[in-house]
Amino acid sequence: MKVARLRGQCAAGAFRRGAGLLVLAAVVVGGAAGCGPNSDAYVNLQNAMKSQLADVDHRPVTSVACTPHVHGTVRGATARLRCSVAFEDGTSYTADAQIQNQNSGGRHNMPDRYSWDSPPPK
């Protein structure tokens, strides 16, 4: 099972640095990358899967499509999804995936945690 964590806080880190132009740039870049308050959790999962499979498993990904379309998860909850992954070599597989909201108990402002079934061997 692959696990990926989103690192950073999109535009939020720029706010703390207090640089006005960096804030604007971070909001524009963050919005394009699927970060920010209006991004859907399933889009972030799909992006994490694409990145992980391409960078770590060295398998270029053509597309990742997950259902259901999950906007967000409740504190401490886990959403379960099915994801169809297509590789550049024409192969594909279906993965069971999870989006876990790590904010529970005394934990706050934690990023979602993503996990999914590993692809079959090449």
C-alpha atoms as a PDB file:
ATOM      1  CA  MET A   1       0.000   0.000   0.000  1.00  0.00           C
ATOM      2  CA  LYS A   2       1.426   3.397  -0.973  1.00  0.00           C
ATOM      3  CA  VAL A   3       1.125   6.313   1.408  1.00  0.00           C
ATOM      4  CA  ALA A   4       1.691   9.957   0.548  1.00  0.00           C
ATOM      5  CA  ARG A   5       1.412  13.032   2.689  1.00  0.00           C
ATOM      6  CA  LEU A   6       0.911  16.491   1.356  1.00  0.00           C
ATOM      7  CA  ARG A   7       3.701  18.603   2.704  1.00  0.00           C
ATOM      8  CA  GLY A   8       3.458  22.315   3.229  1.00  0.00           C
ATOM      9  CA  GLN A   9       0.339  24.317   3.599  1.00  0.00           C
ATOM     10  CA  CYS A  10      -0.128  25.740   0.110  1.00  0.00           C
ATOM     11  CA  ALA A  11      -0.597  29.492   0.410  1.00  0.00           C
ATOM     12  CA  ALA A  12      -0.747  29.443   4.225  1.00  0.00           C
ATOM     13  CA  GLY A  13       3.046  29.308   4.566  1.00  0.00           C
ATOM     14  CA  ALA A  14       3.381  32.446   2.480  1.00  0.00           C
ATOM     15  CA  PHE A  15       0.982  34.314   4.778  1.00  0.00           C
ATOM     16  CA  ARG A  16       3.259  33.639   7.733  1.00  0.00           C
ATOM     17  CA  ARG A  17       6.284  34.948   5.881  1.00  0.00           C
ATOM     18  CA  GLY A  18       4.444  38.201   5.336  1.00  0.00           C
ATOM     19  CA  ALA A  19       5.573  38.765   1.752  1.00  0.00           C
ATOM     20  CA  GLY A  20       2.624  40.204  -0.169  1.00  0.00           C
ATOM     21  CA  LEU A  21       3.840  39.221  -3.625  1.00  0.00           C
ATOM     22  CA  LEU A  22       4.680  35.717  -2.468  1.00  0.00           C
ATOM     23  CA  VAL A  23       1.151  35.382  -1.132  1.00  0.00           C
ATOM     24  CA  LEU A  24      -0.348  36.277  -4.496  1.00  0.00           C
ATOM     25  CA  ALA A  25       2.026  33.930  -6.329  1.00  0.00           C
ATOM     26  CA  ALA A  26       1.339  31.109  -3.870  1.00  0.00           C
ATOM     27  CA  VAL A  27      -2.417  31.520  -4.271  1.00  0.00           C
ATOM     28  CA  VAL A  28      -2.141  31.386  -8.073  1.00  0.00           C
ATOM     29  CA  VAL A  29       0.261  28.424  -8.060  1.00  0.00           C
ATOM     30  CA  GLY A  30      -1.611  26.690  -5.231  1.00  0.00           C
ATOM     31  CA  GLY A  31      -4.918  26.983  -7.072  1.00  0.00           C
ATOM     32  CA  ALA A  32      -3.396  25.476 -10.197  1.00  0.00           C
ATOM     33  CA  ALA A  33      -1.871  22.616  -8.210  1.00  0.00           C
ATOM     34  CA  GLY A  34      -5.087  21.644  -6.452  1.00  0.00           C
ATOM     35  CA  CYS A  35      -4.219  23.252  -3.105  1.00  0.00           C
ATOM     36  CA  GLY A  36      -6.278  25.768  -1.225  1.00  0.00           C
ATOM     37  CA  PRO A  37      -9.642  26.054   0.429  1.00  0.00           C
ATOM     38  CA  ASN A  38     -11.678  25.236  -2.686  1.00  0.00           C
ATOM     39  CA  SER A  39      -9.804  22.115  -3.779  1.00  0.00           C
ATOM     40  CA  ASP A  40     -11.491  18.762  -3.495  1.00  0.00           C
ATOM     41  CA  ALA A  41      -9.856  15.982  -1.508  1.00  0.00           C
ATOM     42  CA  TYR A  42     -10.239  13.501  -4.380  1.00  0.00           C
ATOM     43  CA  VAL A  43      -8.307  15.834  -6.728  1.00  0.00           C
ATOM     44  CA  ASN A  44      -5.478  16.055  -4.195  1.00  0.00           C
ATOM     45  CA  LEU A  45      -5.485  12.247  -3.914  1.00  0.00           C
ATOM     46  CA  GLN A  46      -5.301  11.873  -7.704  1.00  0.00           C
ATOM     47  CA  ASN A  47      -2.382  14.329  -7.867  1.00  0.00           C
ATOM     48  CA  ALA A  48      -0.555  12.496  -5.047  1.00  0.00           C
ATOM     49  CA  MET A  49      -1.016   9.169  -6.848  1.00  0.00           C
ATOM     50  CA  LYS A  50       0.270  10.572 -10.158  1.00  0.00           C
ATOM     51  CA  SER A  51       3.318  12.076  -8.498  1.00  0.00           C
ATOM     52  CA  GLN A  52       4.145   9.031  -6.363  1.00  0.00           C
ATOM     53  CA  LEU A  53       3.747   6.507  -9.181  1.00  0.00           C
ATOM     54  CA  ALA A  54       5.831   8.605 -11.582  1.00  0.00           C
ATOM     55  CA  ASP A  55       8.584   9.657  -9.149  1.00  0.00           C
ATOM     56  CA  VAL A  56       8.939   6.662  -6.844  1.00  0.00           C
ATOM     57  CA  ASP A  57       7.732   3.725  -8.935  1.00  0.00           C
ATOM     58  CA  HIS A  58       9.107   5.227 -12.170  1.00  0.00           C
ATOM     59  CA  ARG A  59       5.859   4.596 -14.014  1.00  0.00           C
ATOM     60  CA  PRO A  60       4.652   7.588 -16.049  1.00  0.00           C
ATOM     61  CA  VAL A  61       0.921   8.059 -15.484  1.00  0.00           C
ATOM     62  CA  THR A  62      -1.480   9.254 -18.164  1.00  0.00           C
ATOM     63  CA  SER A  63      -4.487   9.693 -15.877  1.00  0.00           C
ATOM     64  CA  VAL A  64      -5.972   8.959 -12.475  1.00  0.00           C
ATOM     65  CA  ALA A  65      -9.737   9.112 -11.921  1.00  0.00           C
ATOM     66  CA  CYS A  66     -11.202   8.487  -8.461  1.00  0.00           C
ATOM     67  CA  THR A  67     -14.791   8.137  -7.292  1.00  0.00           C
ATOM     68  CA  PRO A  68     -16.744   9.186  -5.362  1.00  0.00           C
ATOM     69  CA  HIS A  69     -15.868  12.859  -5.680  1.00  0.00           C
ATOM     70  CA  VAL A  70     -15.031  13.746  -2.078  1.00  0.00           C
ATOM     71  CA  HIS A  71     -14.858  17.430  -1.219  1.00  0.00           C
ATOM     72  CA  GLY A  72     -13.422  16.862   2.246  1.00  0.00           C
ATOM     73  CA  THR A  73     -13.527  14.560   5.240  1.00  0.00           C
ATOM     74  CA  VAL A  74     -14.807  15.115   8.768  1.00  0.00           C
ATOM     75  CA  ARG A  75     -12.263  15.315  11.605  1.00  0.00           C
ATOM     76  CA  GLY A  76     -10.790  11.877  12.194  1.00  0.00           C
ATOM     77  CA  ALA A  77     -12.809  10.287   9.361  1.00  0.00           C
ATOM     78  CA  THR A  78     -11.591   8.245   6.410  1.00  0.00           C
ATOM     79  CA  ALA A  79     -13.112   8.356   2.927  1.00  0.00           C
ATOM     80  CA  ARG A  80     -12.802   5.255   0.741  1.00  0.00           C
ATOM     81  CA  LEU A  81     -12.520   5.596  -3.024  1.00  0.00           C
ATOM     82  CA  ARG A  82     -11.902   3.516  -6.164  1.00  0.00           C
ATOM     83  CA  CYS A  83      -9.305   4.904  -8.543  1.00  0.00           C
ATOM     84  CA  SER A  84      -8.614   3.961 -12.129  1.00  0.00           C
ATOM     85  CA  VAL A  85      -4.970   4.561 -13.087  1.00  0.00           C
ATOM     86  CA  ALA A  86      -3.757   4.554 -16.702  1.00  0.00           C
ATOM     87  CA  PHE A  87      -0.048   4.380 -17.509  1.00  0.00           C
ATOM     88  CA  GLU A  88       1.730   5.750 -20.587  1.00  0.00           C
ATOM     89  CA  ASP A  89       2.607   2.215 -21.712  1.00  0.00           C
ATOM     90  CA  GLY A  90      -1.114   1.467 -22.183  1.00  0.00           C
ATOM     91  CA  THR A  91      -1.548  -0.636 -19.033  1.00  0.00           C
ATOM     92  CA  SER A  92      -3.934   0.277 -16.240  1.00  0.00           C
ATOM     93  CA  TYR A  93      -5.175  -0.891 -12.856  1.00  0.00           C
ATOM     94  CA  THR A  94      -7.880  -0.115 -10.333  1.00  0.00           C
ATOM     95  CA  ALA A  95      -6.831   0.774  -6.797  1.00  0.00           C
ATOM     96  CA  ASP A  96      -8.735   0.984  -3.548  1.00  0.00           C
ATOM     97  CA  ALA A  97      -7.717   4.306  -1.982  1.00  0.00           C
ATOM     98  CA  GLN A  98      -8.307   6.202   1.235  1.00  0.00           C
ATOM     99  CA  ILE A  99      -8.261   9.819   2.313  1.00  0.00           C
ATOM    100  CA  GLN A 100      -7.729  10.067   6.064  1.00  0.00           C
ATOM    101  CA  ASN A 101      -8.384  13.318   7.938  1.00  0.00           C
ATOM    102  CA  GLN A 102      -5.633  13.288  10.571  1.00  0.00           C
ATOM    103  CA  ASN A 103      -7.193  16.045  12.682  1.00  0.00           C
ATOM    104  CA  SER A 104      -8.514  14.228  15.717  1.00  0.00           C
ATOM    105  CA  GLY A 105      -8.175  14.584  19.453  1.00  0.00           C
ATOM    106  CA  GLY A 106      -5.641  17.328  20.147  1.00  0.00           C
ATOM    107  CA  ARG A 107      -4.245  17.377  16.608  1.00  0.00           C
ATOM    108  CA  HIS A 108      -5.068  20.390  14.450  1.00  0.00           C
ATOM    109  CA  ASN A 109      -4.085  21.667  10.997  1.00  0.00           C
ATOM    110  CA  MET A 110      -2.736  18.293   9.907  1.00  0.00           C
ATOM    111  CA  PRO A 111      -2.771  17.495   6.175  1.00  0.00           C
ATOM    112  CA  ASP A 112      -4.909  14.682   4.833  1.00  0.00           C
ATOM    113  CA  ARG A 113      -3.141  11.339   4.497  1.00  0.00           C
ATOM    114  CA  TYR A 114      -3.552   9.407   1.247  1.00  0.00           C
ATOM    115  CA  SER A 115      -3.052   5.692   0.718  1.00  0.00           C
ATOM    116  CA  TRP A 116      -3.817   3.291  -2.129  1.00  0.00           C
ATOM    117  CA  ASP A 117      -3.154  -0.193  -3.421  1.00  0.00           C
ATOM    118  CA  SER A 118       0.165  -0.655  -5.190  1.00  0.00           C
ATOM    119  CA  PRO A 119       0.088  -1.281  -8.936  1.00  0.00           C
ATOM    120  CA  PRO A 120       0.855  -4.764 -10.219  1.00  0.00           C
ATOM    121  CA  PRO A 121       4.494  -5.342 -11.211  1.00  0.00           C
ATOM    122  CA  LYS A 122       5.568  -4.120 -14.635  1.00  0.00           C
END
